[in-house]
Amino acid sequence: MKLNHRLLALTVLLAALLLVAAACGETQGDDPADTGSGDTGSEENGDGAELTTIEEGVLTVGSDIPYPPFEFREGGELVGLDIDLIQDIGERLELDVSDENIVDTSFDTIFTQLAGARFDVVVAASTITPEREEEVNFSDPYYNSQQSLTVEAGSDLASIDDLAEGDVIGVQNGTTGKAYAEENVPEGVEIRSFKQGPDGYTALEAGQVDGVVNDEPTALAEIEARGDTLELVETIDTGESYGIAVDPNNEELLEALNEALAEMIEDGSYQEIYDAYPDLPPGGSVAEG
């Protein structure tokens, strides 16, 4: 009887152990927090969450068009160094940057609109300045620029210092060219502001202003487009750098833009875009030197 009892007890114990083992196996396989399931989710999500933009999967871009050679239309197509740059970055971030997502707006209010979340970013040959950085964020520099003085071909004016009382200088609203002129033209010189950059050069051709202070690359593009009726007589080294302006409330997008820009510089695609605009003055590329 004692043997039978022992056999019975052993049988019951073995059965219990088998039930426990089976239950553990089912729990481990069905648990959604199981290590295998967790690893799969991590791989699918990559390094982090998707970027937040105004419209999912789209990068809404503010710009001031035309401002050659950075943003302008050629045969109805939107082109320029800025356009090529931001479209390449968009591809790397898997965000759509087609023409319909690039919004033409006044440069004078473009950063206020960006801070108000009308755009995700602004690419508009925008110089990084402390004043603008109080309102928006900027990417790392992507172009080195300087100012210039353009006059009618054959003019006696050769520099800012040659301007005299009664002369009129054209500038574009909201630009560093306007800021430079306000601080440096001689007393008595009138500064006349225009909404768009090309308007100042049109006024210069018409004899309505005596010169235009604006970014050097745009001045050269306007001179070329107008058949050399104008002349760049002074290059002004202001040590400016262009950056992509970013919504100040979107630090993740700023970080992603900087990473994409660094990749472009490293793999040579940035320089390819730069070289596609051979009329740019020397020294502008951030990949050189």
Protein backbone atom coordinates (compact mmCIF):
# COMPACT_ATOMS: atom_id res chain seq x y z
CA MET A 1 0.00 0.00 0.00
CA LYS A 2 2.85 2.36 0.86
CA LEU A 3 4.42 1.64 -2.57
CA ASN A 4 1.14 2.28 -4.37
CA HIS A 5 0.71 5.56 -2.50
CA ARG A 6 4.21 6.63 -3.47
CA LEU A 7 3.61 5.76 -7.11
CA LEU A 8 0.36 7.68 -7.10
CA ALA A 9 2.05 10.72 -5.54
CA LEU A 10 4.84 10.63 -8.10
CA THR A 11 2.33 10.36 -10.94
CA VAL A 12 0.38 13.37 -9.69
CA LEU A 13 3.61 15.40 -9.26
CA LEU A 14 4.81 14.60 -12.79
CA ALA A 15 1.44 15.56 -14.25
CA ALA A 16 1.50 18.87 -12.39
CA LEU A 17 5.01 19.62 -13.63
CA LEU A 18 3.96 18.91 -17.22
CA LEU A 19 0.99 21.26 -16.90
CA VAL A 20 3.18 24.06 -15.51
CA ALA A 21 5.74 23.62 -18.31
CA ALA A 22 3.02 23.75 -20.97
CA ALA A 23 1.49 26.86 -19.45
CA CYS A 24 4.88 28.63 -19.36
CA GLY A 25 5.49 27.78 -23.02
CA GLU A 26 2.11 29.24 -24.06
CA THR A 27 2.65 32.40 -22.03
CA GLN A 28 6.11 33.04 -23.51
CA GLY A 29 4.90 32.53 -27.08
CA ASP A 30 1.76 34.66 -26.74
CA ASP A 31 3.28 37.59 -24.78
CA PRO A 32 3.35 40.69 -27.09
CA ALA A 33 6.26 41.99 -24.99
CA ASP A 34 8.34 38.92 -25.91
CA THR A 35 11.92 39.83 -26.95
CA GLY A 36 11.46 38.63 -30.53
CA SER A 37 8.31 40.73 -31.05
CA GLY A 38 9.94 43.81 -29.50
CA ASP A 39 13.01 43.53 -31.75
CA THR A 40 10.82 43.46 -34.86
CA GLY A 41 9.05 46.67 -33.86
CA SER A 42 12.34 48.44 -33.23
CA GLU A 43 13.67 47.53 -36.67
CA GLU A 44 10.47 48.72 -38.35
CA ASN A 45 10.57 52.08 -36.58
CA GLY A 46 14.24 52.75 -37.39
CA ASP A 47 16.16 55.24 -35.28
CA GLY A 48 13.18 57.27 -34.12
CA ALA A 49 9.67 58.51 -34.72
CA GLU A 50 8.61 60.05 -38.04
CA LEU A 51 9.26 63.75 -38.48
CA THR A 52 6.38 66.05 -37.68
CA THR A 53 5.44 68.48 -40.46
CA ILE A 54 2.43 70.67 -41.22
CA GLU A 55 1.16 68.07 -43.66
CA GLU A 56 2.13 64.44 -43.09
CA GLY A 57 4.76 63.26 -45.56
CA VAL A 58 5.18 66.75 -47.03
CA LEU A 59 7.73 69.50 -46.44
CA THR A 60 5.97 72.85 -46.87
CA VAL A 61 8.54 75.39 -48.04
CA GLY A 62 8.37 79.18 -48.05
CA SER A 63 10.41 81.09 -50.63
CA ASP A 64 10.64 84.46 -52.38
CA ILE A 65 10.42 83.92 -56.14
CA PRO A 66 12.14 85.08 -58.30
CA TYR A 67 15.57 85.53 -56.76
CA PRO A 68 18.01 84.03 -59.28
CA PRO A 69 20.09 81.94 -59.25
CA PHE A 70 18.60 80.54 -56.03
CA GLU A 71 14.89 80.38 -56.90
CA PHE A 72 13.36 81.29 -60.25
CA ARG A 73 11.23 79.86 -63.05
CA GLU A 74 12.69 78.58 -66.29
CA GLY A 75 10.20 77.49 -68.94
CA GLY A 76 7.51 77.34 -66.26
CA GLU A 77 9.62 75.05 -64.05
CA LEU A 78 10.78 76.13 -60.61
CA VAL A 79 14.57 75.84 -60.47
CA GLY A 80 17.59 77.26 -58.65
CA LEU A 81 20.24 76.25 -56.16
CA ASP A 82 17.84 76.55 -53.21
CA ILE A 83 15.19 74.51 -54.98
CA ASP A 84 17.60 71.72 -55.95
CA LEU A 85 19.03 71.68 -52.44
CA ILE A 86 15.73 71.41 -50.56
CA GLN A 87 14.34 68.80 -52.97
CA ASP A 88 17.42 66.61 -52.44
CA ILE A 89 17.06 67.01 -48.67
CA GLY A 90 13.36 66.16 -48.93
CA GLU A 91 14.16 62.91 -50.73
CA ARG A 92 16.62 61.94 -48.01
CA LEU A 93 14.02 62.64 -45.31
CA GLU A 94 11.28 60.92 -47.36
CA LEU A 95 9.26 64.14 -47.49
CA ASP A 96 7.58 65.43 -50.67
CA VAL A 97 8.95 68.77 -51.90
CA SER A 98 7.17 69.17 -55.23
CA ASP A 99 6.52 72.60 -56.75
CA GLU A 100 3.02 72.85 -55.30
CA ASN A 101 4.51 72.57 -51.80
CA ILE A 102 6.82 75.57 -52.35
CA VAL A 103 4.93 78.74 -51.45
CA ASP A 104 5.94 82.08 -52.98
CA THR A 105 5.67 84.88 -50.42
CA SER A 106 7.10 88.28 -49.55
CA PHE A 107 10.60 88.15 -48.09
CA ASP A 108 9.75 91.05 -45.79
CA THR A 109 7.39 88.83 -43.73
CA ILE A 110 8.70 85.37 -44.55
CA PHE A 111 10.27 84.65 -41.14
CA THR A 112 7.21 85.87 -39.24
CA GLN A 113 5.09 83.51 -41.33
CA LEU A 114 7.50 80.66 -40.61
CA ALA A 115 7.33 81.34 -36.87
CA GLY A 116 3.55 81.31 -37.22
CA ALA A 117 3.68 77.76 -38.68
CA ARG A 118 2.64 78.64 -42.23
CA PHE A 119 5.70 76.73 -43.50
CA ASP A 120 7.96 74.00 -42.15
CA VAL A 121 11.06 75.67 -43.58
CA VAL A 122 12.16 78.67 -45.63
CA VAL A 123 14.74 78.52 -48.43
CA ALA A 124 15.16 81.98 -49.88
CA ALA A 125 18.87 82.84 -49.98
CA SER A 126 18.41 83.78 -46.33
CA THR A 127 21.41 85.14 -44.44
CA ILE A 128 21.77 83.84 -40.89
CA THR A 129 21.63 86.86 -38.58
CA PRO A 130 21.25 87.20 -34.78
CA GLU A 131 18.01 89.16 -35.28
CA ARG A 132 16.46 86.43 -37.40
CA GLU A 133 17.66 83.73 -35.00
CA GLU A 134 15.53 85.37 -32.32
CA GLU A 135 12.47 84.47 -34.40
CA VAL A 136 13.34 81.20 -36.17
CA ASN A 137 15.98 78.47 -36.19
CA PHE A 138 18.60 78.08 -38.91
CA SER A 139 20.36 75.07 -40.34
CA ASP A 140 24.10 74.91 -40.71
CA PRO A 141 25.32 77.26 -43.51
CA TYR A 142 24.98 76.07 -47.10
CA TYR A 143 26.28 79.13 -48.99
CA ASN A 144 28.77 81.94 -48.33
CA SER A 145 27.68 85.31 -49.69
CA GLN A 146 28.55 89.00 -49.74
CA GLN A 147 26.91 92.26 -50.79
CA SER A 148 27.49 94.31 -53.95
CA LEU A 149 26.80 97.65 -55.60
CA THR A 150 25.37 97.58 -59.13
CA VAL A 151 25.03 100.67 -61.32
CA GLU A 152 24.21 101.51 -64.94
CA ALA A 153 27.02 100.60 -67.33
CA GLY A 154 29.21 103.69 -67.81
CA SER A 155 28.20 105.30 -64.52
CA ASP A 156 30.74 107.44 -62.65
CA LEU A 157 29.89 105.58 -59.43
CA ALA A 158 32.53 103.00 -58.45
CA SER A 159 31.76 102.42 -54.78
CA ILE A 160 29.40 103.22 -51.93
CA ASP A 161 31.73 106.06 -50.96
CA ASP A 162 31.12 107.77 -54.32
CA LEU A 163 27.44 108.29 -53.53
CA ALA A 164 26.43 111.83 -52.71
CA GLU A 165 23.46 113.75 -51.37
CA GLY A 166 20.53 113.39 -53.71
CA ASP A 167 21.55 109.97 -55.05
CA VAL A 168 19.06 107.11 -54.71
CA ILE A 169 19.95 103.52 -53.83
CA GLY A 170 17.56 100.61 -54.41
CA VAL A 171 17.28 97.71 -51.95
CA GLN A 172 14.87 94.86 -51.27
CA ASN A 173 12.62 94.94 -48.21
CA GLY A 174 13.76 92.82 -45.27
CA THR A 175 17.21 91.99 -46.66
CA THR A 176 20.71 92.33 -45.28
CA GLY A 177 21.44 94.50 -48.32
CA LYS A 178 18.92 97.01 -47.02
CA ALA A 179 20.45 96.82 -43.54
CA TYR A 180 23.92 97.40 -44.98
CA ALA A 181 22.78 100.39 -47.01
CA GLU A 182 21.02 101.96 -44.03
CA GLU A 183 24.22 101.74 -42.00
CA ASN A 184 26.80 102.65 -44.65
CA VAL A 185 25.56 104.99 -47.40
CA PRO A 186 26.63 108.62 -46.98
CA GLU A 187 24.26 111.08 -45.35
CA GLY A 188 21.71 112.53 -47.73
CA VAL A 189 21.47 109.44 -49.95
CA GLU A 190 17.90 108.19 -50.32
CA ILE A 191 17.22 104.48 -49.82
CA ARG A 192 14.29 103.21 -51.84
CA SER A 193 12.87 99.79 -50.95
CA PHE A 194 11.34 97.30 -53.38
CA LYS A 195 9.18 94.27 -52.63
CA GLN A 196 11.18 91.90 -54.84
CA GLY A 197 14.86 91.88 -55.71
CA PRO A 198 14.50 92.17 -59.52
CA ASP A 199 12.32 95.29 -59.15
CA GLY A 200 15.31 97.31 -58.00
CA TYR A 201 17.30 96.41 -61.11
CA THR A 202 14.35 97.32 -63.33
CA ALA A 203 14.23 100.71 -61.63
CA LEU A 204 17.99 101.07 -62.18
CA GLU A 205 17.60 100.43 -65.91
CA ALA A 206 14.81 103.02 -66.01
CA GLY A 207 16.98 105.63 -64.30
CA GLN A 208 14.79 105.75 -61.20
CA VAL A 209 17.67 104.83 -58.86
CA ASP A 210 21.42 105.38 -59.14
CA GLY A 211 22.49 101.98 -57.83
CA VAL A 212 21.30 98.78 -56.17
CA VAL A 213 22.77 97.15 -53.07
CA ASN A 214 22.01 93.43 -52.99
CA ASP A 215 23.60 89.99 -52.71
CA GLU A 216 26.44 89.54 -55.18
CA PRO A 217 25.23 86.31 -56.87
CA THR A 218 21.79 87.76 -57.56
CA ALA A 219 23.33 90.98 -58.88
CA LEU A 220 25.44 88.97 -61.34
CA ALA A 221 22.40 86.97 -62.45
CA GLU A 222 20.38 90.14 -63.06
CA ILE A 223 23.23 91.77 -65.02
CA GLU A 224 23.51 88.67 -67.22
CA ALA A 225 19.75 88.52 -67.80
CA ARG A 226 19.56 92.21 -68.80
CA GLY A 227 22.19 92.13 -71.53
CA ASP A 228 24.99 93.84 -69.65
CA THR A 229 23.21 97.22 -69.47
CA LEU A 230 24.20 97.17 -65.79
CA GLU A 231 27.56 96.77 -64.10
CA LEU A 232 28.69 95.44 -60.72
CA VAL A 233 31.26 97.95 -59.52
CA GLU A 234 31.87 96.97 -55.91
CA THR A 235 31.89 93.70 -54.01
CA ILE A 236 31.35 94.20 -50.30
CA ASP A 237 32.70 91.48 -47.99
CA THR A 238 30.12 91.17 -45.23
CA GLY A 239 30.95 87.58 -44.25
CA GLU A 240 27.38 86.38 -44.71
CA SER A 241 26.19 82.77 -44.81
CA TYR A 242 22.85 81.42 -46.02
CA GLY A 243 20.93 78.85 -43.99
CA ILE A 244 17.63 77.02 -44.22
CA ALA A 245 15.24 78.68 -41.78
CA VAL A 246 13.20 76.20 -39.72
CA ASP A 247 10.05 76.41 -37.62
CA PRO A 248 11.39 77.30 -34.15
CA ASN A 249 9.11 74.71 -32.56
CA ASN A 250 10.46 71.79 -34.60
CA GLU A 251 13.91 70.88 -33.25
CA GLU A 252 13.70 67.32 -34.66
CA LEU A 253 13.26 68.68 -38.19
CA LEU A 254 16.22 71.04 -37.71
CA GLU A 255 18.42 68.14 -36.60
CA ALA A 256 17.30 65.99 -39.54
CA LEU A 257 17.98 68.82 -42.01
CA ASN A 258 21.49 69.32 -40.67
CA GLU A 259 22.20 65.59 -40.91
CA ALA A 260 20.95 65.48 -44.51
CA LEU A 261 22.98 68.56 -45.46
CA ALA A 262 26.12 67.04 -43.93
CA GLU A 263 25.51 63.84 -45.92
CA MET A 264 25.17 65.86 -49.13
CA ILE A 265 28.45 67.65 -48.50
CA GLU A 266 30.16 64.35 -47.65
CA ASP A 267 28.88 62.37 -50.65
CA GLY A 268 29.48 65.18 -53.16
CA SER A 269 25.86 65.81 -54.15
CA TYR A 270 25.95 69.31 -52.63
CA GLN A 271 28.90 70.28 -54.83
CA GLU A 272 27.15 68.80 -57.88
CA ILE A 273 24.18 71.10 -57.27
CA TYR A 274 26.49 74.08 -56.72
CA ASP A 275 28.42 73.34 -59.92
CA ALA A 276 25.16 73.27 -61.90
CA TYR A 277 25.12 77.08 -61.52
CA PRO A 278 28.49 78.11 -63.03
CA ASP A 279 27.70 81.83 -62.92
CA LEU A 280 27.87 81.86 -59.12
CA PRO A 281 30.83 83.92 -57.92
CA PRO A 282 33.81 82.01 -56.47
CA GLY A 283 33.95 81.25 -52.78
CA GLY A 284 30.30 80.47 -52.21
CA SER A 285 30.50 76.70 -51.75
CA VAL A 286 30.66 75.47 -48.15
CA ALA A 287 32.26 72.25 -49.42
CA GLU A 288 35.33 74.00 -50.78
CA GLY A 289 38.38 74.96 -48.74
